[in-house]
């Protein structure tokens, strides 16, 4: 199974690289597959590569759904899944 997630570009680096943030973590990723990315943009991240830019509202909606899912799963701690 593959998972691609929205992340926010926090800092552009040399050589088509950037630092992105997700869930309080920072990760260095490649922007080689996407043109015109700027700081503050959201991109879809998959295995270290940005695949496309994403509308900020759509990114926020998706991240909110992930947070809701995580909260629900955390509430099920100690129960059989």
N, C-alpha and C. Protein backbone atom coordinates (compact mmCIF):
# COMPACT_ATOMS: atom_id res chain seq x y z
N UNK A 1 0.84 -1.18 0.00
CA UNK A 1 0.00 0.00 0.00
C UNK A 1 0.89 1.24 0.00
N UNK A 2 0.52 2.23 -0.76
CA UNK A 2 1.25 3.49 -0.82
C UNK A 2 0.40 4.60 -0.23
N UNK A 3 1.06 5.55 0.39
CA UNK A 3 0.35 6.68 0.97
C UNK A 3 1.08 7.96 0.59
N UNK A 4 0.35 8.90 0.07
CA UNK A 4 0.89 10.23 -0.22
C UNK A 4 0.13 11.21 0.66
N UNK A 5 0.84 12.14 1.27
CA UNK A 5 0.22 13.06 2.21
C UNK A 5 0.55 14.51 1.87
N UNK A 6 -0.37 15.43 2.20
CA UNK A 6 -0.07 16.85 1.99
C UNK A 6 0.89 17.35 3.06
N UNK A 7 1.86 18.15 2.63
CA UNK A 7 2.81 18.78 3.54
C UNK A 7 3.01 20.22 3.10
N UNK A 8 3.40 21.07 4.05
CA UNK A 8 3.62 22.49 3.76
C UNK A 8 5.11 22.74 3.59
N UNK A 9 5.48 23.42 2.51
CA UNK A 9 6.88 23.76 2.25
C UNK A 9 7.27 24.91 3.17
N UNK A 10 8.24 24.65 4.04
CA UNK A 10 8.68 25.66 4.99
C UNK A 10 9.91 26.43 4.52
N UNK A 11 10.78 25.74 3.78
CA UNK A 11 12.00 26.41 3.34
C UNK A 11 12.50 25.76 2.06
N UNK A 12 12.85 26.58 1.09
CA UNK A 12 13.45 26.08 -0.15
C UNK A 12 14.96 25.96 0.05
N UNK A 13 15.52 24.88 -0.47
CA UNK A 13 16.96 24.63 -0.40
C UNK A 13 17.53 24.58 -1.81
N UNK A 14 18.83 24.44 -1.90
CA UNK A 14 19.48 24.28 -3.21
C UNK A 14 19.16 22.91 -3.80
N UNK A 15 19.45 22.76 -5.08
CA UNK A 15 19.35 21.48 -5.78
C UNK A 15 17.94 20.88 -5.77
N UNK A 16 16.93 21.73 -5.95
CA UNK A 16 15.53 21.28 -6.02
C UNK A 16 15.09 20.52 -4.77
N UNK A 17 15.54 20.97 -3.62
CA UNK A 17 15.17 20.36 -2.35
C UNK A 17 14.43 21.38 -1.51
N UNK A 18 13.70 20.88 -0.51
CA UNK A 18 12.96 21.76 0.40
C UNK A 18 12.81 21.07 1.74
N UNK A 19 12.55 21.89 2.76
CA UNK A 19 12.18 21.37 4.08
C UNK A 19 10.68 21.56 4.21
N UNK A 20 9.99 20.47 4.58
CA UNK A 20 8.55 20.52 4.77
C UNK A 20 8.22 20.15 6.20
N UNK A 21 7.02 20.54 6.62
CA UNK A 21 6.56 20.21 7.96
C UNK A 21 5.29 19.39 7.90
N UNK A 22 5.23 18.41 8.79
CA UNK A 22 4.02 17.60 8.93
C UNK A 22 3.95 17.09 10.37
N UNK A 23 2.87 17.42 11.03
CA UNK A 23 2.66 16.94 12.39
C UNK A 23 3.77 17.31 13.36
N UNK A 24 4.36 18.48 13.20
CA UNK A 24 5.43 18.91 14.08
C UNK A 24 6.81 18.39 13.69
N UNK A 25 6.88 17.57 12.67
CA UNK A 25 8.15 17.03 12.20
C UNK A 25 8.63 17.82 10.99
N UNK A 26 9.94 17.82 10.78
CA UNK A 26 10.54 18.46 9.61
C UNK A 26 11.23 17.39 8.79
N UNK A 27 11.10 17.49 7.46
CA UNK A 27 11.70 16.50 6.58
C UNK A 27 12.22 17.20 5.33
N UNK A 28 13.37 16.78 4.86
CA UNK A 28 13.93 17.30 3.62
C UNK A 28 13.42 16.42 2.48
N UNK A 29 12.86 17.08 1.44
CA UNK A 29 12.29 16.34 0.31
C UNK A 29 12.79 16.91 -1.01
N UNK A 30 12.56 16.17 -2.06
CA UNK A 30 12.92 16.61 -3.41
C UNK A 30 11.73 17.29 -4.09
N UNK A 31 12.01 18.40 -4.75
CA UNK A 31 11.01 19.10 -5.56
C UNK A 31 11.26 18.89 -7.06
N UNK A 32 12.11 17.94 -7.41
CA UNK A 32 12.54 17.75 -8.80
C UNK A 32 11.37 17.45 -9.75
N UNK A 33 10.27 16.92 -9.24
CA UNK A 33 9.16 16.55 -10.11
C UNK A 33 8.09 17.63 -10.25
N UNK A 34 8.25 18.74 -9.52
CA UNK A 34 7.21 19.79 -9.51
C UNK A 34 7.87 21.15 -9.73
N UNK A 35 7.36 21.88 -10.70
CA UNK A 35 7.88 23.21 -11.00
C UNK A 35 7.15 24.29 -10.20
N UNK A 36 7.86 25.36 -9.91
CA UNK A 36 7.24 26.56 -9.37
C UNK A 36 6.80 26.51 -7.93
N UNK A 37 7.34 25.60 -7.14
CA UNK A 37 6.96 25.51 -5.73
C UNK A 37 7.61 26.66 -4.96
N UNK A 38 6.82 27.28 -4.08
CA UNK A 38 7.31 28.38 -3.26
C UNK A 38 7.09 28.05 -1.79
N UNK A 39 7.81 28.75 -0.92
CA UNK A 39 7.61 28.59 0.51
C UNK A 39 6.15 28.91 0.83
N UNK A 40 5.55 28.07 1.68
CA UNK A 40 4.15 28.24 2.04
C UNK A 40 3.20 27.40 1.20
N UNK A 41 3.66 26.90 0.06
CA UNK A 41 2.83 26.01 -0.77
C UNK A 41 2.65 24.67 -0.08
N UNK A 42 1.56 24.01 -0.41
CA UNK A 42 1.35 22.63 -0.01
C UNK A 42 1.64 21.74 -1.21
N UNK A 43 2.29 20.62 -0.94
CA UNK A 43 2.56 19.62 -1.98
C UNK A 43 2.14 18.25 -1.46
N UNK A 44 1.89 17.35 -2.39
CA UNK A 44 1.64 15.96 -2.04
C UNK A 44 2.99 15.26 -1.99
N UNK A 45 3.29 14.64 -0.85
CA UNK A 45 4.57 13.98 -0.62
C UNK A 45 4.40 12.47 -0.68
N UNK A 46 5.28 11.84 -1.45
CA UNK A 46 5.31 10.37 -1.51
C UNK A 46 6.76 9.94 -1.57
N UNK A 47 7.18 9.11 -0.66
CA UNK A 47 8.54 8.57 -0.54
C UNK A 47 9.64 9.59 -0.82
N UNK A 48 9.51 10.76 -0.21
CA UNK A 48 10.56 11.76 -0.30
C UNK A 48 10.48 12.71 -1.48
N UNK A 49 9.47 12.56 -2.33
CA UNK A 49 9.32 13.42 -3.50
C UNK A 49 7.98 14.14 -3.47
N UNK A 50 8.00 15.43 -3.79
CA UNK A 50 6.76 16.16 -4.03
C UNK A 50 6.24 15.72 -5.39
N UNK A 51 4.96 15.36 -5.43
CA UNK A 51 4.37 14.90 -6.70
C UNK A 51 3.60 15.99 -7.42
N UNK A 52 2.97 16.89 -6.66
CA UNK A 52 2.18 17.97 -7.24
C UNK A 52 1.91 19.01 -6.17
N UNK A 53 1.62 20.24 -6.62
CA UNK A 53 1.16 21.26 -5.67
C UNK A 53 -0.31 21.00 -5.38
N UNK A 54 -0.74 21.45 -4.21
CA UNK A 54 -2.10 21.19 -3.76
C UNK A 54 -2.72 22.50 -3.29
N UNK A 55 -4.01 22.68 -3.60
CA UNK A 55 -4.75 23.83 -3.13
C UNK A 55 -4.69 23.87 -1.60
N UNK A 56 -4.39 25.02 -1.00
CA UNK A 56 -4.26 25.10 0.47
C UNK A 56 -5.51 24.65 1.22
N UNK A 57 -6.68 24.99 0.71
CA UNK A 57 -7.91 24.59 1.40
C UNK A 57 -8.08 23.07 1.37
N UNK A 58 -7.78 22.46 0.24
CA UNK A 58 -7.87 21.00 0.14
C UNK A 58 -6.85 20.34 1.07
N UNK A 59 -5.64 20.89 1.13
CA UNK A 59 -4.61 20.35 2.01
C UNK A 59 -5.06 20.41 3.46
N UNK A 60 -5.60 21.56 3.89
CA UNK A 60 -6.06 21.72 5.27
C UNK A 60 -7.20 20.75 5.59
N UNK A 61 -8.12 20.57 4.65
CA UNK A 61 -9.22 19.63 4.84
C UNK A 61 -8.70 18.20 5.02
N UNK A 62 -7.76 17.82 4.18
CA UNK A 62 -7.20 16.48 4.25
C UNK A 62 -6.44 16.27 5.56
N UNK A 63 -5.63 17.25 5.95
CA UNK A 63 -4.89 17.14 7.21
C UNK A 63 -5.83 17.08 8.41
N UNK A 64 -6.94 17.81 8.35
CA UNK A 64 -7.93 17.76 9.43
C UNK A 64 -8.56 16.37 9.52
N UNK A 65 -8.83 15.76 8.38
CA UNK A 65 -9.38 14.40 8.39
C UNK A 65 -8.38 13.39 8.97
N UNK A 66 -7.10 13.53 8.61
CA UNK A 66 -6.07 12.66 9.19
C UNK A 66 -6.02 12.84 10.71
N UNK A 67 -6.08 14.09 11.18
CA UNK A 67 -6.05 14.36 12.62
C UNK A 67 -7.26 13.75 13.32
N UNK A 68 -8.43 13.86 12.70
CA UNK A 68 -9.64 13.28 13.28
C UNK A 68 -9.51 11.76 13.35
N UNK A 69 -9.01 11.15 12.31
CA UNK A 69 -8.82 9.70 12.30
C UNK A 69 -7.85 9.29 13.41
N UNK A 70 -6.74 10.00 13.54
CA UNK A 70 -5.76 9.68 14.58
C UNK A 70 -6.37 9.82 15.97
N UNK A 71 -7.17 10.85 16.18
CA UNK A 71 -7.82 11.05 17.49
C UNK A 71 -8.78 9.91 17.79
N UNK A 72 -9.51 9.48 16.80
CA UNK A 72 -10.46 8.37 17.01
C UNK A 72 -9.70 7.07 17.31
N UNK A 73 -8.62 6.84 16.60
CA UNK A 73 -7.83 5.64 16.85
C UNK A 73 -7.17 5.69 18.22
N UNK A 74 -6.71 6.87 18.65
CA UNK A 74 -6.13 7.02 19.98
C UNK A 74 -7.17 6.72 21.06
N UNK A 75 -8.41 7.05 20.82
CA UNK A 75 -9.48 6.79 21.77
C UNK A 75 -9.79 5.31 21.90
N UNK A 76 -9.30 4.52 20.96
CA UNK A 76 -9.55 3.07 20.98
C UNK A 76 -8.37 2.31 21.57
N UNK A 77 -7.39 3.04 22.13
CA UNK A 77 -6.23 2.38 22.74
C UNK A 77 -6.68 1.33 23.73
N UNK A 78 -6.06 0.19 23.70
CA UNK A 78 -6.36 -0.87 24.65
C UNK A 78 -7.54 -1.73 24.24
N UNK A 79 -8.20 -1.39 23.15
CA UNK A 79 -9.29 -2.24 22.67
C UNK A 79 -8.81 -3.00 21.46
N UNK A 80 -9.47 -4.10 21.20
CA UNK A 80 -9.11 -4.90 20.04
C UNK A 80 -9.51 -4.20 18.77
N UNK A 81 -8.65 -4.22 17.76
CA UNK A 81 -8.94 -3.55 16.49
C UNK A 81 -9.23 -4.54 15.42
